[in-house]
Amino acid sequence: MENWITNMMEQFGYWGILLLIAVENVFPPIPSEVILTFGGFMTTYTNLTVFGVIVVATIGSIIGAIILYGVGYLVNVDRLEQWIGKYGKYLRLKKRRRSPRRCLV
């Protein structure tokens, strides 16, 4: 995985970092700490700057968060419960009873 990350950064530069961080937000198994560590390392022998890496990593994180927000907006609770009922056993997820929502006003 390390070679893939460094190759992506060498080939695409700031765009590669932005893409890797955005993908990391959407698919959590890729740790952002590894990406940012390699990004900092790349500033020592490429034309990347620390400030540039910080800026594109922040933008990539925001893009990933917007994607997750969009998915959460489109998938309502009933649809998510159907998905968990159908595929949750593979991820060891179970449906939980919903408690009635309380109005605090």
PDB file of N, CA and C in Angstrom:
ATOM      1  N   MET A   1       0.823  -1.177   0.000  1.00  0.00           N
ATOM      2  CA  MET A   1       0.000   0.000   0.000  1.00  0.00           C
ATOM      3  C   MET A   1       0.877   1.255   0.000  1.00  0.00           C
ATOM      4  N   GLU A   2       2.031   1.197   0.652  1.00  0.00           N
ATOM      5  CA  GLU A   2       2.907   2.357   0.711  1.00  0.00           C
ATOM      6  C   GLU A   2       3.383   2.763  -0.677  1.00  0.00           C
ATOM      7  N   ASN A   3       3.731   1.779  -1.492  1.00  0.00           N
ATOM      8  CA  ASN A   3       4.184   2.091  -2.851  1.00  0.00           C
ATOM      9  C   ASN A   3       3.069   2.726  -3.665  1.00  0.00           C
ATOM     10  N   TRP A   4       1.861   2.231  -3.478  1.00  0.00           N
ATOM     11  CA  TRP A   4       0.726   2.781  -4.226  1.00  0.00           C
ATOM     12  C   TRP A   4       0.492   4.234  -3.846  1.00  0.00           C
ATOM     13  N   ILE A   5       0.566   4.539  -2.551  1.00  0.00           N
ATOM     14  CA  ILE A   5       0.342   5.905  -2.079  1.00  0.00           C
ATOM     15  C   ILE A   5       1.432   6.835  -2.598  1.00  0.00           C
ATOM     16  N   THR A   6       2.684   6.429  -2.464  1.00  0.00           N
ATOM     17  CA  THR A   6       3.770   7.298  -2.930  1.00  0.00           C
ATOM     18  C   THR A   6       3.763   7.450  -4.440  1.00  0.00           C
ATOM     19  N   ASN A   7       3.427   6.389  -5.172  1.00  0.00           N
ATOM     20  CA  ASN A   7       3.331   6.508  -6.629  1.00  0.00           C
ATOM     21  C   ASN A   7       2.222   7.472  -7.032  1.00  0.00           C
ATOM     22  N   MET A   8       1.117   7.416  -6.328  1.00  0.00           N
ATOM     23  CA  MET A   8       0.000   8.326  -6.611  1.00  0.00           C
ATOM     24  C   MET A   8       0.428   9.771  -6.376  1.00  0.00           C
ATOM     25  N   MET A   9       1.138  10.012  -5.291  1.00  0.00           N
ATOM     26  CA  MET A   9       1.594  11.364  -4.983  1.00  0.00           C
ATOM     27  C   MET A   9       2.668  11.838  -5.967  1.00  0.00           C
ATOM     28  N   GLU A  10       3.577  10.952  -6.347  1.00  0.00           N
ATOM     29  CA  GLU A  10       4.608  11.334  -7.316  1.00  0.00           C
ATOM     30  C   GLU A  10       4.015  11.629  -8.675  1.00  0.00           C
ATOM     31  N   GLN A  11       3.057  10.822  -9.088  1.00  0.00           N
ATOM     32  CA  GLN A  11       2.478  10.966 -10.417  1.00  0.00           C
ATOM     33  C   GLN A  11       1.526  12.153 -10.515  1.00  0.00           C
ATOM     34  N   PHE A  12       0.674  12.355  -9.500  1.00  0.00           N
ATOM     35  CA  PHE A  12      -0.362  13.380  -9.583  1.00  0.00           C
ATOM     36  C   PHE A  12      -0.121  14.581  -8.674  1.00  0.00           C
ATOM     37  N   GLY A  13       0.855  14.509  -7.782  1.00  0.00           N
ATOM     38  CA  GLY A  13       1.175  15.640  -6.915  1.00  0.00           C
ATOM     39  C   GLY A  13       0.044  15.976  -5.964  1.00  0.00           C
ATOM     40  N   TYR A  14      -0.306  17.268  -5.939  1.00  0.00           N
ATOM     41  CA  TYR A  14      -1.356  17.719  -5.027  1.00  0.00           C
ATOM     42  C   TYR A  14      -2.702  17.053  -5.334  1.00  0.00           C
ATOM     43  N   TRP A  15      -2.989  16.838  -6.592  1.00  0.00           N
ATOM     44  CA  TRP A  15      -4.257  16.190  -6.970  1.00  0.00           C
ATOM     45  C   TRP A  15      -4.330  14.771  -6.416  1.00  0.00           C
ATOM     46  N   GLY A  16      -3.207  14.084  -6.390  1.00  0.00           N
ATOM     47  CA  GLY A  16      -3.170  12.735  -5.829  1.00  0.00           C
ATOM     48  C   GLY A  16      -3.463  12.728  -4.342  1.00  0.00           C
ATOM     49  N   ILE A  17      -2.896  13.703  -3.623  1.00  0.00           N
ATOM     50  CA  ILE A  17      -3.156  13.812  -2.189  1.00  0.00           C
ATOM     51  C   ILE A  17      -4.629  14.116  -1.952  1.00  0.00           C
ATOM     52  N   LEU A  18      -5.167  15.058  -2.712  1.00  0.00           N
ATOM     53  CA  LEU A  18      -6.585  15.413  -2.578  1.00  0.00           C
ATOM     54  C   LEU A  18      -7.475  14.193  -2.807  1.00  0.00           C
ATOM     55  N   LEU A  19      -7.195  13.442  -3.861  1.00  0.00           N
ATOM     56  CA  LEU A  19      -7.992  12.254  -4.171  1.00  0.00           C
ATOM     57  C   LEU A  19      -7.856  11.187  -3.091  1.00  0.00           C
ATOM     58  N   LEU A  20      -6.637  10.952  -2.616  1.00  0.00           N
ATOM     59  CA  LEU A  20      -6.432   9.935  -1.587  1.00  0.00           C
ATOM     60  C   LEU A  20      -7.152  10.291  -0.290  1.00  0.00           C
ATOM     61  N   ILE A  21      -7.110  11.548   0.109  1.00  0.00           N
ATOM     62  CA  ILE A  21      -7.784  11.957   1.342  1.00  0.00           C
ATOM     63  C   ILE A  21      -9.301  11.874   1.173  1.00  0.00           C
ATOM     64  N   ALA A  22      -9.815  12.274   0.003  1.00  0.00           N
ATOM     65  CA  ALA A  22     -11.263  12.182  -0.231  1.00  0.00           C
ATOM     66  C   ALA A  22     -11.720  10.725  -0.191  1.00  0.00           C
ATOM     67  N   VAL A  23     -10.948   9.840  -0.818  1.00  0.00           N
ATOM     68  CA  VAL A  23     -11.294   8.413  -0.817  1.00  0.00           C
ATOM     69  C   VAL A  23     -11.182   7.845   0.595  1.00  0.00           C
ATOM     70  N   GLU A  24     -10.200   8.308   1.352  1.00  0.00           N
ATOM     71  CA  GLU A  24     -10.028   7.837   2.729  1.00  0.00           C
ATOM     72  C   GLU A  24     -11.226   8.194   3.586  1.00  0.00           C
ATOM     73  N   ASN A  25     -11.809   9.358   3.350  1.00  0.00           N
ATOM     74  CA  ASN A  25     -12.996   9.738   4.126  1.00  0.00           C
ATOM     75  C   ASN A  25     -14.189   8.865   3.787  1.00  0.00           C
ATOM     76  N   VAL A  26     -14.314   8.471   2.544  1.00  0.00           N
ATOM     77  CA  VAL A  26     -15.455   7.668   2.124  1.00  0.00           C
ATOM     78  C   VAL A  26     -15.251   6.199   2.498  1.00  0.00           C
ATOM     79  N   PHE A  27     -14.026   5.695   2.348  1.00  0.00           N
ATOM     80  CA  PHE A  27     -13.703   4.298   2.659  1.00  0.00           C
ATOM     81  C   PHE A  27     -12.666   4.273   3.780  1.00  0.00           C
ATOM     82  N   PRO A  28     -13.096   4.198   5.033  1.00  0.00           N
ATOM     83  CA  PRO A  28     -12.188   4.334   6.175  1.00  0.00           C
ATOM     84  C   PRO A  28     -11.032   3.349   6.299  1.00  0.00           C
ATOM     85  N   PRO A  29     -10.997   2.206   5.628  1.00  0.00           N
ATOM     86  CA  PRO A  29      -9.843   1.336   5.859  1.00  0.00           C
ATOM     87  C   PRO A  29      -8.493   1.947   5.471  1.00  0.00           C
ATOM     88  N   ILE A  30      -8.485   2.996   4.667  1.00  0.00           N
ATOM     89  CA  ILE A  30      -7.233   3.656   4.326  1.00  0.00           C
ATOM     90  C   ILE A  30      -7.012   4.757   5.372  1.00  0.00           C
ATOM     91  N   PRO A  31      -5.979   4.650   6.203  1.00  0.00           N
ATOM     92  CA  PRO A  31      -5.801   5.657   7.249  1.00  0.00           C
ATOM     93  C   PRO A  31      -5.205   6.952   6.706  1.00  0.00           C
ATOM     94  N   SER A  32      -5.775   8.077   7.087  1.00  0.00           N
ATOM     95  CA  SER A  32      -5.283   9.370   6.613  1.00  0.00           C
ATOM     96  C   SER A  32      -3.911   9.688   7.205  1.00  0.00           C
ATOM     97  N   GLU A  33      -3.606   9.126   8.367  1.00  0.00           N
ATOM     98  CA  GLU A  33      -2.299   9.367   8.965  1.00  0.00           C
ATOM     99  C   GLU A  33      -1.174   8.882   8.059  1.00  0.00           C
ATOM    100  N   VAL A  34      -1.391   7.757   7.408  1.00  0.00           N
ATOM    101  CA  VAL A  34      -0.382   7.230   6.490  1.00  0.00           C
ATOM    102  C   VAL A  34      -0.238   8.149   5.284  1.00  0.00           C
ATOM    103  N   ILE A  35      -1.349   8.598   4.745  1.00  0.00           N
ATOM    104  CA  ILE A  35      -1.313   9.469   3.573  1.00  0.00           C
ATOM    105  C   ILE A  35      -0.604  10.776   3.915  1.00  0.00           C
ATOM    106  N   LEU A  36      -0.947  11.378   5.050  1.00  0.00           N
ATOM    107  CA  LEU A  36      -0.337  12.648   5.420  1.00  0.00           C
ATOM    108  C   LEU A  36       1.138  12.488   5.796  1.00  0.00           C
ATOM    109  N   THR A  37       1.499  11.357   6.370  1.00  0.00           N
ATOM    110  CA  THR A  37       2.912  11.105   6.674  1.00  0.00           C
ATOM    111  C   THR A  37       3.719  11.043   5.389  1.00  0.00           C
ATOM    112  N   PHE A  38       3.205  10.315   4.413  1.00  0.00           N
ATOM    113  CA  PHE A  38       3.904  10.253   3.126  1.00  0.00           C
ATOM    114  C   PHE A  38       3.871  11.597   2.411  1.00  0.00           C
ATOM    115  N   GLY A  39       2.785  12.342   2.581  1.00  0.00           N
ATOM    116  CA  GLY A  39       2.719  13.680   1.999  1.00  0.00           C
ATOM    117  C   GLY A  39       3.798  14.580   2.570  1.00  0.00           C
ATOM    118  N   GLY A  40       3.998  14.513   3.885  1.00  0.00           N
ATOM    119  CA  GLY A  40       5.077  15.282   4.506  1.00  0.00           C
ATOM    120  C   GLY A  40       6.443  14.816   4.039  1.00  0.00           C
ATOM    121  N   PHE A  41       6.598  13.523   3.880  1.00  0.00           N
ATOM    122  CA  PHE A  41       7.866  12.985   3.379  1.00  0.00           C
ATOM    123  C   PHE A  41       8.129  13.447   1.950  1.00  0.00           C
ATOM    124  N   MET A  42       7.083  13.513   1.147  1.00  0.00           N
ATOM    125  CA  MET A  42       7.244  13.911  -0.254  1.00  0.00           C
ATOM    126  C   MET A  42       7.693  15.371  -0.375  1.00  0.00           C
ATOM    127  N   THR A  43       7.421  16.184   0.651  1.00  0.00           N
ATOM    128  CA  THR A  43       7.848  17.585   0.585  1.00  0.00           C
ATOM    129  C   THR A  43       9.363  17.714   0.674  1.00  0.00           C
ATOM    130  N   THR A  44      10.045  16.666   1.127  1.00  0.00           N
ATOM    131  CA  THR A  44      11.502  16.755   1.275  1.00  0.00           C
ATOM    132  C   THR A  44      12.248  16.538  -0.038  1.00  0.00           C
ATOM    133  N   TYR A  45      11.659  15.791  -0.981  1.00  0.00           N
ATOM    134  CA  TYR A  45      12.402  15.554  -2.215  1.00  0.00           C
ATOM    135  C   TYR A  45      11.605  15.815  -3.489  1.00  0.00           C
ATOM    136  N   THR A  46      10.460  16.444  -3.385  1.00  0.00           N
ATOM    137  CA  THR A  46       9.707  16.871  -4.572  1.00  0.00           C
ATOM    138  C   THR A  46       9.419  18.361  -4.437  1.00  0.00           C
ATOM    139  N   ASN A  47       8.676  18.887  -5.374  1.00  0.00           N
ATOM    140  CA  ASN A  47       8.346  20.312  -5.323  1.00  0.00           C
ATOM    141  C   ASN A  47       7.085  20.596  -4.511  1.00  0.00           C
ATOM    142  N   LEU A  48       6.563  19.597  -3.790  1.00  0.00           N
ATOM    143  CA  LEU A  48       5.409  19.815  -2.915  1.00  0.00           C
ATOM    144  C   LEU A  48       5.839  20.613  -1.690  1.00  0.00           C
ATOM    145  N   THR A  49       4.952  21.485  -1.210  1.00  0.00           N
ATOM    146  CA  THR A  49       5.233  22.252   0.001  1.00  0.00           C
ATOM    147  C   THR A  49       4.330  21.773   1.132  1.00  0.00           C
ATOM    148  N   VAL A  50       4.768  22.027   2.350  1.00  0.00           N
ATOM    149  CA  VAL A  50       3.980  21.620   3.515  1.00  0.00           C
ATOM    150  C   VAL A  50       2.636  22.349   3.506  1.00  0.00           C
ATOM    151  N   PHE A  51       2.655  23.644   3.219  1.00  0.00           N
ATOM    152  CA  PHE A  51       1.412  24.410   3.176  1.00  0.00           C
ATOM    153  C   PHE A  51       0.468  23.857   2.102  1.00  0.00           C
ATOM    154  N   GLY A  52       1.000  23.525   0.929  1.00  0.00           N
ATOM    155  CA  GLY A  52       0.173  22.969  -0.149  1.00  0.00           C
ATOM    156  C   GLY A  52      -0.440  21.640   0.230  1.00  0.00           C
ATOM    157  N   VAL A  53       0.344  20.791   0.897  1.00  0.00           N
ATOM    158  CA  VAL A  53      -0.173  19.489   1.329  1.00  0.00           C
ATOM    159  C   VAL A  53      -1.299  19.680   2.346  1.00  0.00           C
ATOM    160  N   ILE A  54      -1.127  20.611   3.268  1.00  0.00           N
ATOM    161  CA  ILE A  54      -2.164  20.871   4.269  1.00  0.00           C
ATOM    162  C   ILE A  54      -3.439  21.373   3.601  1.00  0.00           C
ATOM    163  N   VAL A  55      -3.300  22.286   2.647  1.00  0.00           N
ATOM    164  CA  VAL A  55      -4.472  22.859   1.972  1.00  0.00           C
ATOM    165  C   VAL A  55      -5.221  21.791   1.182  1.00  0.00           C
ATOM    166  N   VAL A  56      -4.515  20.999   0.362  1.00  0.00           N
ATOM    167  CA  VAL A  56      -5.220  20.003  -0.454  1.00  0.00           C
ATOM    168  C   VAL A  56      -5.770  18.866   0.401  1.00  0.00           C
ATOM    169  N   ALA A  57      -5.098  18.533   1.507  1.00  0.00           N
ATOM    170  CA  ALA A  57      -5.634  17.503   2.404  1.00  0.00           C
ATOM    171  C   ALA A  57      -6.924  17.991   3.052  1.00  0.00           C
ATOM    172  N   THR A  58      -6.969  19.267   3.411  1.00  0.00           N
ATOM    173  CA  THR A  58      -8.186  19.832   3.988  1.00  0.00           C
ATOM    174  C   THR A  58      -9.315  19.833   2.972  1.00  0.00           C
ATOM    175  N   ILE A  59      -9.019  20.251   1.746  1.00  0.00           N
ATOM    176  CA  ILE A  59     -10.034  20.259   0.684  1.00  0.00           C
ATOM    177  C   ILE A  59     -10.513  18.837   0.389  1.00  0.00           C
ATOM    178  N   GLY A  60      -9.600  17.884   0.338  1.00  0.00           N
ATOM    179  CA  GLY A  60      -9.979  16.494   0.110  1.00  0.00           C
ATOM    180  C   GLY A  60     -10.856  15.948   1.217  1.00  0.00           C
ATOM    181  N   SER A  61     -10.550  16.326   2.456  1.00  0.00           N
ATOM    182  CA  SER A  61     -11.371  15.889   3.579  1.00  0.00           C
ATOM    183  C   SER A  61     -12.773  16.482   3.494  1.00  0.00           C
ATOM    184  N   ILE A  62     -12.871  17.744   3.094  1.00  0.00           N
ATOM    185  CA  ILE A  62     -14.180  18.375   2.943  1.00  0.00           C
ATOM    186  C   ILE A  62     -14.975  17.712   1.826  1.00  0.00           C
ATOM    187  N   ILE A  63     -14.319  17.401   0.717  1.00  0.00           N
ATOM    188  CA  ILE A  63     -15.002  16.724  -0.394  1.00  0.00           C
ATOM    189  C   ILE A  63     -15.524  15.360   0.053  1.00  0.00           C
ATOM    190  N   GLY A  64     -14.693  14.599   0.789  1.00  0.00           N
ATOM    191  CA  GLY A  64     -15.145  13.306   1.304  1.00  0.00           C
ATOM    192  C   GLY A  64     -16.315  13.436   2.252  1.00  0.00           C
ATOM    193  N   ALA A  65     -16.292  14.464   3.096  1.00  0.00           N
ATOM    194  CA  ALA A  65     -17.404  14.684   4.028  1.00  0.00           C
ATOM    195  C   ALA A  65     -18.679  15.058   3.282  1.00  0.00           C
ATOM    196  N   ILE A  66     -18.548  15.847   2.224  1.00  0.00           N
ATOM    197  CA  ILE A  66     -19.721  16.214   1.423  1.00  0.00           C
ATOM    198  C   ILE A  66     -20.310  14.982   0.743  1.00  0.00           C
ATOM    199  N   ILE A  67     -19.456  14.097   0.261  1.00  0.00           N
ATOM    200  CA  ILE A  67     -19.945  12.859  -0.358  1.00  0.00           C
ATOM    201  C   ILE A  67     -20.708  12.021   0.667  1.00  0.00           C
ATOM    202  N   LEU A  68     -20.140  11.870   1.856  1.00  0.00           N
ATOM    203  CA  LEU A  68     -20.825  11.096   2.897  1.00  0.00           C
ATOM    204  C   LEU A  68     -22.129  11.757   3.319  1.00  0.00           C
ATOM    205  N   TYR A  69     -22.149  13.072   3.388  1.00  0.00           N
ATOM    206  CA  TYR A  69     -23.384  13.778   3.719  1.00  0.00           C
ATOM    207  C   TYR A  69     -24.439  13.515   2.648  1.00  0.00           C
ATOM    208  N   GLY A  70     -24.025  13.558   1.377  1.00  0.00           N
ATOM    209  CA  GLY A  70     -24.960  13.298   0.284  1.00  0.00           C
ATOM    210  C   GLY A  70     -25.533  11.900   0.343  1.00  0.00           C
ATOM    211  N   VAL A  71     -24.689  10.927   0.657  1.00  0.00           N
ATOM    212  CA  VAL A  71     -25.173   9.550   0.790  1.00  0.00           C
ATOM    213  C   VAL A  71     -26.155   9.457   1.957  1.00  0.00           C
ATOM    214  N   GLY A  72     -25.822  10.081   3.076  1.00  0.00           N
ATOM    215  CA  GLY A  72     -26.723  10.072   4.224  1.00  0.00           C
ATOM    216  C   GLY A  72     -28.030  10.787   3.945  1.00  0.00           C
ATOM    217  N   TYR A  73     -27.980  11.807   3.130  1.00  0.00           N
ATOM    218  CA  TYR A  73     -29.194  12.539   2.773  1.00  0.00           C
ATOM    219  C   TYR A  73     -30.097  11.706   1.870  1.00  0.00           C
ATOM    220  N   LEU A  74     -29.484  10.950   0.950  1.00  0.00           N
ATOM    221  CA  LEU A  74     -30.261  10.156  -0.008  1.00  0.00           C
ATOM    222  C   LEU A  74     -30.789   8.851   0.581  1.00  0.00           C
ATOM    223  N   VAL A  75     -30.070   8.279   1.536  1.00  0.00           N
ATOM    224  CA  VAL A  75     -30.464   6.995   2.118  1.00  0.00           C
ATOM    225  C   VAL A  75     -31.192   7.276   3.428  1.00  0.00           C
ATOM    226  N   ASN A  76     -32.488   7.091   3.426  1.00  0.00           N
ATOM    227  CA  ASN A  76     -33.245   7.330   4.653  1.00  0.00           C
ATOM    228  C   ASN A  76     -33.132   6.117   5.583  1.00  0.00           C
ATOM    229  N   VAL A  77     -33.673   6.227   6.768  1.00  0.00           N
ATOM    230  CA  VAL A  77     -33.535   5.191   7.786  1.00  0.00           C
ATOM    231  C   VAL A  77     -34.177   3.879   7.344  1.00  0.00           C
ATOM    232  N   ASP A  78     -35.339   3.942   6.718  1.00  0.00           N
ATOM    233  CA  ASP A  78     -36.006   2.712   6.285  1.00  0.00           C
ATOM    234  C   ASP A  78     -35.189   1.964   5.234  1.00  0.00           C
ATOM    235  N   ARG A  79     -34.640   2.701   4.288  1.00  0.00           N
ATOM    236  CA  ARG A  79     -33.818   2.070   3.253  1.00  0.00           C
ATOM    237  C   ARG A  79     -32.554   1.475   3.863  1.00  0.00           C
ATOM    238  N   LEU A  80     -31.972   2.150   4.819  1.00  0.00           N
ATOM    239  CA  LEU A  80     -30.777   1.638   5.482  1.00  0.00           C
ATOM    240  C   LEU A  80     -31.093   0.371   6.274  1.00  0.00           C
ATOM    241  N   GLU A  81     -32.235   0.350   6.942  1.00  0.00           N
ATOM    242  CA  GLU A  81     -32.631  -0.853   7.682  1.00  0.00           C
ATOM    243  C   GLU A  81     -32.890  -2.029   6.747  1.00  0.00           C
ATOM    244  N   GLN A  82     -33.449  -1.776   5.581  1.00  0.00           N
ATOM    245  CA  GLN A  82     -33.636  -2.846   4.596  1.00  0.00           C
ATOM    246  C   GLN A  82     -32.286  -3.388   4.147  1.00  0.00           C
ATOM    247  N   TRP A  83     -31.346  -2.499   3.910  1.00  0.00           N
ATOM    248  CA  TRP A  83     -30.021  -2.911   3.465  1.00  0.00           C
ATOM    249  C   TRP A  83     -29.323  -3.731   4.550  1.00  0.00           C
ATOM    250  N   ILE A  84     -29.445  -3.284   5.805  1.00  0.00           N
ATOM    251  CA  ILE A  84     -28.825  -4.022   6.910  1.00  0.00           C
ATOM    252  C   ILE A  84     -29.494  -5.381   7.080  1.00  0.00           C
ATOM    253  N   GLY A  85     -30.815  -5.438   6.925  1.00  0.00           N
ATOM    254  CA  GLY A  85     -31.510  -6.719   7.030  1.00  0.00           C
ATOM    255  C   GLY A  85     -31.075  -7.701   5.950  1.00  0.00           C
ATOM    256  N   LYS A  86     -30.747  -7.173   4.778  1.00  0.00           N
ATOM    257  CA  LYS A  86     -30.369  -8.033   3.658  1.00  0.00           C
ATOM    258  C   LYS A  86     -28.881  -8.396   3.669  1.00  0.00           C
ATOM    259  N   TYR A  87     -28.016  -7.411   3.901  1.00  0.00           N
ATOM    260  CA  TYR A  87     -26.569  -7.629   3.788  1.00  0.00           C
ATOM    261  C   TYR A  87     -25.822  -7.487   5.112  1.00  0.00           C
ATOM    262  N   GLY A  88     -26.497  -7.137   6.175  1.00  0.00           N
ATOM    263  CA  GLY A  88     -25.838  -6.880   7.444  1.00  0.00           C
ATOM    264  C   GLY A  88     -25.139  -8.083   8.041  1.00  0.00           C
ATOM    265  N   LYS A  89     -25.605  -9.269   7.722  1.00  0.00           N
ATOM    266  CA  LYS A  89     -24.979 -10.467   8.302  1.00  0.00           C
ATOM    267  C   LYS A  89     -23.531 -10.622   7.846  1.00  0.00           C
ATOM    268  N   TYR A  90     -23.200 -10.105   6.663  1.00  0.00           N
ATOM    269  CA  TYR A  90     -21.831 -10.196   6.176  1.00  0.00           C
ATOM    270  C   TYR A  90     -20.903  -9.252   6.918  1.00  0.00           C
ATOM    271  N   LEU A  91     -21.457  -8.159   7.422  1.00  0.00           N
ATOM    272  CA  LEU A  91     -20.674  -7.186   8.172  1.00  0.00           C
ATOM    273  C   LEU A  91     -20.929  -7.275   9.678  1.00  0.00           C
ATOM    274  N   ARG A  92     -21.700  -8.275  10.074  1.00  0.00           N
ATOM    275  CA  ARG A  92     -22.074  -8.503  11.469  1.00  0.00           C
ATOM    276  C   ARG A  92     -22.837  -7.313  12.046  1.00  0.00           C
ATOM    277  N   LEU A  93     -23.749  -6.797  11.261  1.00  0.00           N
ATOM    278  CA  LEU A  93     -24.616  -5.713  11.705  1.00  0.00           C
ATOM    279  C   LEU A  93     -26.002  -6.275  11.963  1.00  0.00           C
ATOM    280  N   LYS A  94     -26.650  -5.741  12.978  1.00  0.00           N
ATOM    281  CA  LYS A  94     -28.008  -6.154  13.299  1.00  0.00           C
ATOM    282  C   LYS A  94     -28.892  -4.927  13.381  1.00  0.00           C
ATOM    283  N   LYS A  95     -30.157  -5.149  13.031  1.00  0.00           N
ATOM    284  CA  LYS A  95     -31.121  -4.067  13.196  1.00  0.00           C
ATOM    285  C   LYS A  95     -31.435  -3.924  14.670  1.00  0.00           C
ATOM    286  N   ARG A  96     -31.586  -2.698  15.078  1.00  0.00           N
ATOM    287  CA  ARG A  96     -31.914  -2.413  16.460  1.00  0.00           C
ATOM    288  C   ARG A  96     -33.272  -1.738  16.479  1.00  0.00           C
ATOM    289  N   ARG A  97     -34.020  -2.026  17.483  1.00  0.00           N
ATOM    290  CA  ARG A  97     -35.337  -1.383  17.576  1.00  0.00           C
ATOM    291  C   ARG A  97     -35.160   0.108  17.741  1.00  0.00           C
ATOM    292  N   ARG A  98     -35.968   0.835  17.037  1.00  0.00           N
ATOM    293  CA  ARG A  98     -35.928   2.291  17.147  1.00  0.00           C
ATOM    294  C   ARG A  98     -36.776   2.727  18.320  1.00  0.00           C
ATOM    295  N   SER A  99     -36.232   3.604  19.106  1.00  0.00           N
ATOM    296  CA  SER A  99     -37.038   4.175  20.184  1.00  0.00           C
ATOM    297  C   SER A  99     -37.800   5.364  19.613  1.00  0.00           C
ATOM    298  N   PRO A 100     -38.984   5.627  20.136  1.00  0.00           N
ATOM    299  CA  PRO A 100     -39.747   6.751  19.607  1.00  0.00           C
ATOM    300  C   PRO A 100     -38.980   8.049  19.849  1.00  0.00           C
ATOM    301  N   ARG A 101     -39.061   8.920  18.864  1.00  0.00           N
ATOM    302  CA  ARG A 101     -38.364  10.197  18.984  1.00  0.00           C
ATOM    303  C   ARG A 101     -39.123  11.112  19.931  1.00  0.00           C
ATOM    304  N   ARG A 102     -38.379  11.739  20.772  1.00  0.00           N
ATOM    305  CA  ARG A 102     -38.989  12.654  21.721  1.00  0.00           C
ATOM    306  C   ARG A 102     -38.849  14.074  21.216  1.00  0.00           C
ATOM    307  N   CYS A 103     -39.850  14.827  21.429  1.00  0.00           N
ATOM    308  CA  CYS A 103     -39.829  16.238  21.059  1.00  0.00           C
ATOM    309  C   CYS A 103     -39.372  17.024  22.281  1.00  0.00           C
ATOM    310  N   LEU A 104     -38.319  17.778  22.133  1.00  0.00           N
ATOM    311  CA  LEU A 104     -37.785  18.519  23.272  1.00  0.00           C
ATOM    312  C   LEU A 104     -38.429  19.895  23.434  1.00  0.00           C
ATOM    313  N   VAL A 105     -39.299  20.263  22.531  1.00  0.00           N
ATOM    314  CA  VAL A 105     -39.907  21.595  22.612  1.00  0.00           C
ATOM    315  C   VAL A 105     -41.192  21.548  23.389  1.00  0.00           C
TER     316      VAL A 105
END
